[in-house]
Structures are given as C-alpha cells and as structure tokens.
Protein backbone atom coordinates (compact mmCIF):
# COMPACT_ATOMS: atom_id res chain seq x y z
CA MET A 1 105.73 110.60 98.71
CA ARG A 2 107.53 114.26 99.34
CA LEU A 3 105.26 117.23 100.47
CA PRO A 4 107.25 119.75 98.56
CA ILE A 5 106.77 118.29 95.19
CA ILE A 6 102.97 117.53 96.21
CA LYS A 7 102.26 121.32 97.01
CA GLN A 8 104.47 122.95 94.22
CA THR A 9 102.30 120.26 91.77
CA HIS A 10 99.07 121.57 93.24
CA GLY A 11 100.50 125.44 92.61
CA LEU A 12 100.94 124.21 89.07
CA ILE A 13 97.13 123.00 88.76
CA LYS A 14 96.27 126.12 90.20
CA ASP A 15 98.08 127.91 87.43
CA HIS A 16 97.72 125.26 84.46
CA GLY A 17 94.66 123.61 85.53
CA VAL A 18 93.91 119.95 86.33
CA GLU A 19 93.93 118.24 82.63
CA GLU A 20 97.73 119.22 82.23
CA LEU A 21 98.54 116.99 84.90
CA LYS A 22 96.24 114.22 84.20
CA ASN A 23 97.54 114.47 80.78
CA THR A 24 101.12 113.96 82.47
CA ILE A 25 100.18 111.49 84.60
CA ASN A 26 98.45 109.53 81.85
CA LEU A 27 101.89 109.23 80.17
CA LEU A 28 103.95 108.85 83.16
CA GLU A 29 101.57 105.41 83.25
CA GLN A 30 102.48 104.49 80.00
CA VAL A 31 106.31 105.39 80.12
CA GLY A 32 106.54 102.64 83.24
CA GLU A 33 105.14 99.98 80.88
CA PHE A 34 107.66 100.32 78.22
CA ARG A 35 109.90 97.36 77.73
CA GLY A 36 113.40 97.66 78.32
CA ILE A 37 112.53 99.94 81.08
CA LYS A 38 115.16 99.79 84.05
CA ASP A 39 114.35 99.31 87.28
CA GLU A 40 115.65 102.50 88.77
CA GLU A 41 113.57 104.19 86.23
CA LEU A 42 110.38 102.82 86.84
CA ASP A 43 111.30 103.73 90.74
CA VAL A 44 111.45 107.54 89.50
CA VAL A 45 108.37 107.04 87.36
CA GLY A 46 106.17 105.64 90.75
CA GLU A 47 107.83 108.35 93.01
CA LEU A 48 106.28 110.97 90.51
CA LEU A 49 103.01 109.50 89.97
CA SER A 50 102.52 108.94 93.66
CA ASN A 51 103.13 112.67 94.07
CA PHE A 52 101.36 113.63 91.33
CA TYR A 53 98.30 111.41 92.35
CA GLY A 54 98.80 112.88 96.01
CA ALA A 55 98.41 116.81 94.50
CA LEU A 56 95.41 115.87 92.74
CA GLU A 57 93.89 114.42 96.22
CA VAL A 58 95.22 117.73 97.61
CA HIS A 59 93.42 119.62 94.65
CA ARG A 60 90.37 118.09 95.41
CA GLU A 61 90.09 118.81 98.88
CA VAL A 62 90.85 122.28 98.31
CA GLU A 63 88.57 122.73 95.65
CA GLN A 64 85.77 121.53 98.18
CA GLY A 65 87.07 124.57 100.70
CA VAL A 66 89.47 122.76 102.52
CA PRO A 67 92.64 125.17 103.43
CA GLU A 68 95.74 124.40 101.23
CA ARG A 69 97.73 124.22 104.26
CA GLU A 70 95.19 121.71 106.25
CA ALA A 71 94.94 119.61 103.25
CA LEU A 72 98.11 118.81 102.46
CA ASN A 73 98.69 117.88 106.35
CA ALA A 74 95.75 115.70 106.31
CA PHE A 75 96.92 113.89 103.25
CA MET A 76 100.08 113.33 104.68
CA LYS A 77 98.78 112.18 107.93
CA ARG A 78 96.45 109.67 105.77
CA VAL A 79 99.95 108.23 103.89
CA MET A 80 101.58 108.12 107.17
CA GLY A 81 98.89 106.26 108.61
CA SER A 82 98.69 103.76 105.73
CA ILE A 83 102.16 103.07 106.07
CA GLY A 84 102.64 102.42 109.62
C-alpha cells in the first residue's frame, strides 16, 4: 500500500463521491477474475485494490470526524501492525 495513492484517492472521493470508487473497485475485482490474466497484471490489480480499499477506510473515518491526516496515519499504523 502506498500512502500517497490512498491520499489522492480519498481526494477523488471528496470530489466525485464514493460510488465512483466503488464502481472502479467492482470493475477491478472482475478484471482480476479474467482468464488469461498474467501474474504481473494480477499483482497490479491487487495493489490498486488494496490502495482503493484503504482510501475507503480512510474516508469512513473522516466522515466520522477524524481529521484526514490522523485517519491516514492511523490506517497505515494498522497496516504496518498487521504485517509485523
């Protein structure tokens, strides 16, 4: 996951609405199930999905009143904690 991508995607949610991102996620999930997709392509789709789901999580926290910077930092701490 990359924090700059999550942050920019959250900005797109603010500008265009959460439904647009959900539609994009749905499309990418379907692409990931295509026959003949290469492993490298699947890795890219998976990375994008991870970042987009992260942006949704940050967006939910911001809607609950958490400042964006704090929500981004808390999310990344949770991710790093789950890795280690």
